[in-house]
Amino acid sequence: MGGHAVRYYGVDRNTVDYDFFAGARSTQEIRDVIACMPALQDAAEGPSWRPDEFVRFRIGVLPDGRDEWLEFWLHNHLLPKFETASGRVERGMYGGKQLAFLALEDLLRSKETERADDWHDISLLEEIQDERLVAAASSRHENIVAFLSRMRSRRGFDRARAQNLFADNAVVRSALSTLAHPVTYAYLLPLAIDQPPPTALIRSVEAGIESSLRTVEFASLRHMGLVEVVRRAYQRAAINEDRAEKQRVLQRQQSKNPE
């Protein structure tokens, strides 16, 4: 996961840390494994403000003086259960080795933090995901539905228009009934204004914006503006949730270790 996974999927991202989602039973199990690895005999454990969920080891110093870290997550509110994530990983060559990476959709979710850099990664990864999906969207009904129900970038939307993928209203309605992301909902709703919000929608769209999306001209400048309003509202809500989760963790740690 992390920066190296972002690079694997095609984003030119500088990173010095190696981040892993681990299926270990505890952080102590990771410490025991690290201690048995000759190549990491000089690794030094660093501080962690989530000691039951996250452990990190300093493994060297880069030529520019920055520390190099090996980091492991066991649990995170932005990650699925390990068994779920491991069942849908993508495997590919990276650095001369075949490695397993978080599925692109899971990686996107893991980036929904309060850090601006992560949201920049998301914008690029959304375009990559849409490019992959539209490339597989041939003329088969289920492939087009799969793309439209996950489409999140303006580039993906423009590709879909160029390929006339919005022409079949039944396909659009199928996508609307199964989509989960509010940005996707905002893109498609003007084509099926009588359709209720899908049950899978992970965050509702503000009532006034949804009402506007049901009256706006599809693909107009106003429509695209409303999509961006929904996108920014989603980002703000995700940032607030991440910040609140971190605060809860800090409070738990303080209650365990009072001054």
Protein backbone atom coordinates (compact mmCIF):
# COMPACT_ATOMS: atom_id res chain seq x y z
CA MET A 1 0.00 0.00 0.00
CA GLY A 2 1.12 3.64 0.23
CA GLY A 3 3.41 5.48 -2.17
CA HIS A 4 4.91 2.41 -3.83
CA ALA A 5 1.45 1.07 -4.64
CA VAL A 6 0.58 4.46 -6.14
CA ARG A 7 3.71 4.24 -8.30
CA TYR A 8 2.88 0.68 -9.34
CA TYR A 9 -0.49 1.84 -10.68
CA GLY A 10 1.17 4.52 -12.80
CA VAL A 11 1.50 7.73 -10.79
CA ASP A 12 4.98 9.28 -10.77
CA ARG A 13 5.24 9.52 -7.00
CA ASN A 14 8.39 10.06 -4.92
CA THR A 15 8.39 7.99 -1.74
CA VAL A 16 11.00 6.80 0.72
CA ASP A 17 8.82 4.59 2.94
CA TYR A 18 7.69 1.03 2.34
CA ASP A 19 4.10 0.60 3.56
CA PHE A 20 2.47 -2.81 4.03
CA PHE A 21 -0.96 -4.04 5.05
CA ALA A 22 -0.12 -7.08 7.17
CA GLY A 23 -2.18 -10.08 8.19
CA ALA A 24 -0.26 -10.54 11.43
CA ARG A 25 -2.18 -11.22 14.64
CA SER A 26 -0.36 -8.46 16.51
CA THR A 27 2.40 -5.89 16.16
CA GLN A 28 4.52 -8.16 18.36
CA GLU A 29 4.31 -10.88 15.72
CA ILE A 30 5.75 -8.41 13.20
CA ARG A 31 8.57 -7.53 15.59
CA ASP A 32 9.38 -11.23 15.99
CA VAL A 33 9.52 -11.74 12.22
CA ILE A 34 11.72 -8.68 11.67
CA ALA A 35 14.10 -9.88 14.40
CA CYS A 36 14.62 -13.18 12.53
CA MET A 37 15.54 -11.55 9.20
CA PRO A 38 19.31 -11.13 8.72
CA ALA A 39 18.84 -8.34 6.17
CA LEU A 40 17.02 -6.30 8.81
CA GLN A 41 19.24 -6.99 11.80
CA ASP A 42 20.00 -3.27 12.14
CA ALA A 43 16.37 -2.17 11.89
CA ALA A 44 15.33 0.06 14.78
CA GLU A 45 11.71 0.36 15.83
CA GLY A 46 10.35 3.89 15.71
CA PRO A 47 7.58 5.57 17.66
CA SER A 48 3.93 4.81 16.91
CA TRP A 49 0.90 6.67 18.14
CA ARG A 50 -1.22 3.61 17.23
CA PRO A 51 0.91 0.85 18.83
CA ASP A 52 -1.76 -1.85 18.50
CA GLU A 53 -2.42 -1.12 14.83
CA PHE A 54 0.77 0.30 13.33
CA VAL A 55 4.47 -0.47 13.73
CA ARG A 56 7.47 1.02 11.92
CA PHE A 57 11.18 0.30 11.63
CA ARG A 58 14.01 2.59 10.56
CA ILE A 59 16.01 0.56 8.05
CA GLY A 60 18.57 3.08 6.84
CA VAL A 61 19.45 6.62 5.88
CA LEU A 62 19.14 7.91 2.33
CA PRO A 63 21.92 9.92 0.63
CA ASP A 64 19.99 13.14 1.28
CA GLY A 65 19.90 12.40 5.00
CA ARG A 66 16.27 11.30 5.27
CA ASP A 67 15.43 8.21 7.28
CA GLU A 68 14.11 5.21 5.37
CA TRP A 69 11.22 3.37 7.00
CA LEU A 70 9.51 -0.01 6.77
CA GLU A 71 5.94 0.40 8.02
CA PHE A 72 3.15 -2.09 8.72
CA TRP A 73 -0.57 -1.55 9.24
CA LEU A 74 -2.67 -4.24 10.92
CA HIS A 75 -5.89 -2.24 11.14
CA ASN A 76 -7.08 1.06 9.76
CA HIS A 77 -10.52 2.61 9.41
CA LEU A 78 -9.75 3.26 5.72
CA LEU A 79 -8.85 -0.36 4.97
CA PRO A 80 -11.12 -3.40 4.64
CA LYS A 81 -10.49 -6.51 6.68
CA PHE A 82 -7.20 -8.11 5.69
CA GLU A 83 -8.96 -11.26 4.43
CA THR A 84 -11.12 -9.12 2.15
CA ALA A 85 -8.21 -7.06 0.84
CA SER A 86 -5.99 -10.08 0.25
CA GLY A 87 -8.73 -11.72 -1.78
CA ARG A 88 -8.72 -8.96 -4.37
CA VAL A 89 -5.09 -7.84 -4.54
CA GLU A 90 -3.42 -7.10 -7.86
CA ARG A 91 -0.11 -8.83 -8.49
CA GLY A 92 2.51 -7.36 -10.76
CA MET A 93 6.21 -6.79 -11.35
CA TYR A 94 7.79 -3.99 -9.37
CA GLY A 95 11.49 -3.48 -8.77
CA GLY A 96 12.25 -6.80 -10.46
CA LYS A 97 9.94 -8.78 -8.17
CA GLN A 98 6.33 -9.88 -8.39
CA LEU A 99 4.47 -8.25 -5.52
CA ALA A 100 0.90 -8.05 -4.29
CA PHE A 101 -0.66 -4.58 -4.15
CA LEU A 102 -3.90 -3.32 -2.70
CA ALA A 103 -6.62 -3.42 -5.32
CA LEU A 104 -6.95 -0.01 -6.94
CA GLU A 105 -10.35 0.61 -5.38
CA ASP A 106 -9.00 -0.25 -1.91
CA LEU A 107 -5.96 1.95 -2.50
CA LEU A 108 -8.24 4.86 -3.42
CA ARG A 109 -10.17 4.41 -0.19
CA SER A 110 -6.97 4.17 1.86
CA LYS A 111 -5.96 7.60 0.57
CA GLU A 112 -9.02 9.42 1.94
CA THR A 113 -7.07 11.12 4.71
CA GLU A 114 -6.66 14.73 5.79
CA ARG A 115 -3.41 15.04 3.79
CA ALA A 116 -3.56 17.14 0.61
CA ASP A 117 -0.97 14.90 -1.11
CA ASP A 118 -3.26 11.90 -0.72
CA TRP A 119 -6.12 13.70 -2.46
CA HIS A 120 -3.79 14.63 -5.30
CA ASP A 121 -2.98 10.91 -5.61
CA ILE A 122 -6.70 10.13 -5.60
CA SER A 123 -7.41 12.46 -8.51
CA LEU A 124 -4.75 10.72 -10.62
CA LEU A 125 -5.69 7.21 -9.51
CA GLU A 126 -9.34 7.86 -10.38
CA GLU A 127 -8.29 8.67 -13.94
CA ILE A 128 -6.22 5.48 -14.08
CA GLN A 129 -9.11 3.40 -12.77
CA ASP A 130 -11.48 4.91 -15.31
CA GLU A 131 -9.01 4.31 -18.14
CA ARG A 132 -8.77 0.66 -17.16
CA LEU A 133 -12.53 0.25 -16.90
CA VAL A 134 -13.38 2.04 -20.13
CA ALA A 135 -10.80 -0.06 -21.97
CA ALA A 136 -12.71 -3.17 -20.87
CA ALA A 137 -16.12 -1.69 -21.63
CA SER A 138 -16.39 -3.03 -25.23
CA SER A 139 -19.99 -3.51 -26.34
CA ARG A 140 -20.99 -5.98 -23.62
CA HIS A 141 -23.80 -4.70 -21.42
CA GLU A 142 -22.23 -5.87 -18.15
CA ASN A 143 -18.86 -4.30 -18.96
CA ILE A 144 -20.40 -0.91 -19.70
CA VAL A 145 -22.45 -1.10 -16.50
CA ALA A 146 -19.30 -1.99 -14.55
CA PHE A 147 -17.55 1.09 -15.92
CA LEU A 148 -20.41 3.54 -15.51
CA SER A 149 -21.13 2.39 -11.95
CA ARG A 150 -17.53 3.18 -10.90
CA MET A 151 -16.68 6.18 -13.11
CA ARG A 152 -15.24 9.03 -11.03
CA SER A 153 -13.02 11.27 -13.18
CA ARG A 154 -13.80 13.95 -15.73
CA ARG A 155 -11.46 12.21 -18.15
CA GLY A 156 -13.43 8.98 -17.76
CA PHE A 157 -16.69 10.86 -18.30
CA ASP A 158 -15.36 12.45 -21.49
CA ARG A 159 -14.16 9.06 -22.76
CA ALA A 160 -17.58 7.57 -22.09
CA ARG A 161 -19.27 10.37 -24.05
CA ALA A 162 -16.85 9.96 -26.95
CA GLN A 163 -17.65 6.25 -27.09
CA ASN A 164 -21.41 6.85 -26.76
CA LEU A 165 -21.63 4.75 -23.58
CA PHE A 166 -24.50 6.82 -22.18
CA ALA A 167 -26.79 6.10 -25.13
CA ASP A 168 -28.59 3.07 -23.66
CA ASN A 169 -30.83 4.31 -20.85
CA ALA A 170 -31.28 0.79 -19.49
CA VAL A 171 -27.51 0.51 -19.06
CA VAL A 172 -27.37 3.87 -17.29
CA ARG A 173 -30.21 2.85 -14.97
CA SER A 174 -28.47 -0.41 -14.14
CA ALA A 175 -25.32 1.50 -13.27
CA LEU A 176 -27.28 3.98 -11.16
CA SER A 177 -28.91 1.19 -9.18
CA THR A 178 -25.58 -0.37 -8.17
CA LEU A 179 -23.12 2.53 -7.84
CA ALA A 180 -21.67 3.49 -4.47
CA HIS A 181 -19.79 6.76 -4.91
CA PRO A 182 -21.66 10.10 -4.84
CA VAL A 183 -19.48 11.57 -7.61
CA THR A 184 -20.56 8.76 -9.93
CA TYR A 185 -24.14 9.40 -8.88
CA ALA A 186 -23.76 13.08 -9.77
CA TYR A 187 -22.45 12.22 -13.22
CA LEU A 188 -25.31 9.85 -14.07
CA LEU A 189 -28.38 11.24 -12.30
CA PRO A 190 -29.42 13.75 -15.01
CA LEU A 191 -29.97 10.79 -17.35
CA ALA A 192 -32.51 9.10 -15.06
CA ILE A 193 -34.09 11.87 -13.03
CA ASP A 194 -36.94 9.71 -11.71
CA GLN A 195 -34.63 7.07 -10.23
CA PRO A 196 -34.19 7.04 -6.43
CA PRO A 197 -30.73 7.07 -4.83
CA PRO A 198 -29.07 3.64 -4.85
CA THR A 199 -28.99 1.74 -1.57
CA ALA A 200 -25.23 1.21 -1.96
CA LEU A 201 -24.47 4.96 -1.96
CA ILE A 202 -21.73 5.44 0.66
CA ARG A 203 -22.55 9.09 1.35
CA SER A 204 -25.69 10.97 0.46
CA VAL A 205 -25.72 14.05 -1.76
CA GLU A 206 -27.04 17.26 -0.20
CA ALA A 207 -30.75 17.58 -0.99
CA GLY A 208 -30.52 20.89 -2.84
CA ILE A 209 -27.68 19.65 -5.04
CA GLU A 210 -29.50 16.40 -5.81
CA SER A 211 -32.59 18.39 -6.77
CA SER A 212 -30.48 20.51 -9.14
CA LEU A 213 -28.93 17.39 -10.68
CA ARG A 214 -32.44 16.15 -11.51
CA THR A 215 -33.16 19.29 -13.55
CA VAL A 216 -29.80 20.17 -15.08
CA GLU A 217 -28.94 19.50 -18.72
CA PHE A 218 -26.71 16.43 -18.98
CA ALA A 219 -23.03 17.24 -19.74
CA SER A 220 -23.64 20.98 -19.56
CA LEU A 221 -21.22 23.31 -17.80
CA ARG A 222 -23.68 23.55 -14.92
CA HIS A 223 -23.83 19.77 -14.68
CA MET A 224 -20.04 19.56 -14.51
CA GLY A 225 -20.01 22.28 -11.87
CA LEU A 226 -22.49 20.37 -9.73
CA VAL A 227 -20.35 17.23 -10.03
CA GLU A 228 -17.39 19.18 -8.63
CA VAL A 229 -19.55 20.50 -5.78
CA VAL A 230 -20.40 16.90 -4.88
CA ARG A 231 -16.74 15.89 -5.19
CA ARG A 232 -15.59 18.65 -2.83
CA ALA A 233 -18.34 17.88 -0.33
CA TYR A 234 -17.27 14.24 -0.32
CA GLN A 235 -13.63 15.25 0.21
CA ARG A 236 -14.50 17.58 3.09
CA ALA A 237 -16.57 14.91 4.80
CA ALA A 238 -13.82 12.29 4.38
CA ILE A 239 -11.19 14.67 5.77
CA ASN A 240 -13.37 15.43 8.79
CA GLU A 241 -13.97 11.73 9.40
CA ASP A 242 -10.27 10.93 9.19
CA ARG A 243 -9.41 13.78 11.56
CA ALA A 244 -12.09 12.63 14.01
CA GLU A 245 -10.85 9.04 13.89
CA LYS A 246 -7.31 10.15 14.68
CA GLN A 247 -8.60 12.20 17.59
CA ARG A 248 -10.47 9.16 18.97
CA VAL A 249 -7.31 7.07 18.75
CA LEU A 250 -5.27 9.73 20.56
CA GLN A 251 -7.88 9.97 23.29
CA ARG A 252 -7.83 6.19 23.75
CA GLN A 253 -4.06 6.22 24.00
CA GLN A 254 -4.13 9.03 26.53
CA SER A 255 -6.67 7.18 28.66
CA LYS A 256 -4.39 4.12 28.66
CA ASN A 257 -1.28 6.13 29.46
CA PRO A 258 -2.31 9.14 31.56
CA GLU A 259 0.38 11.63 32.50
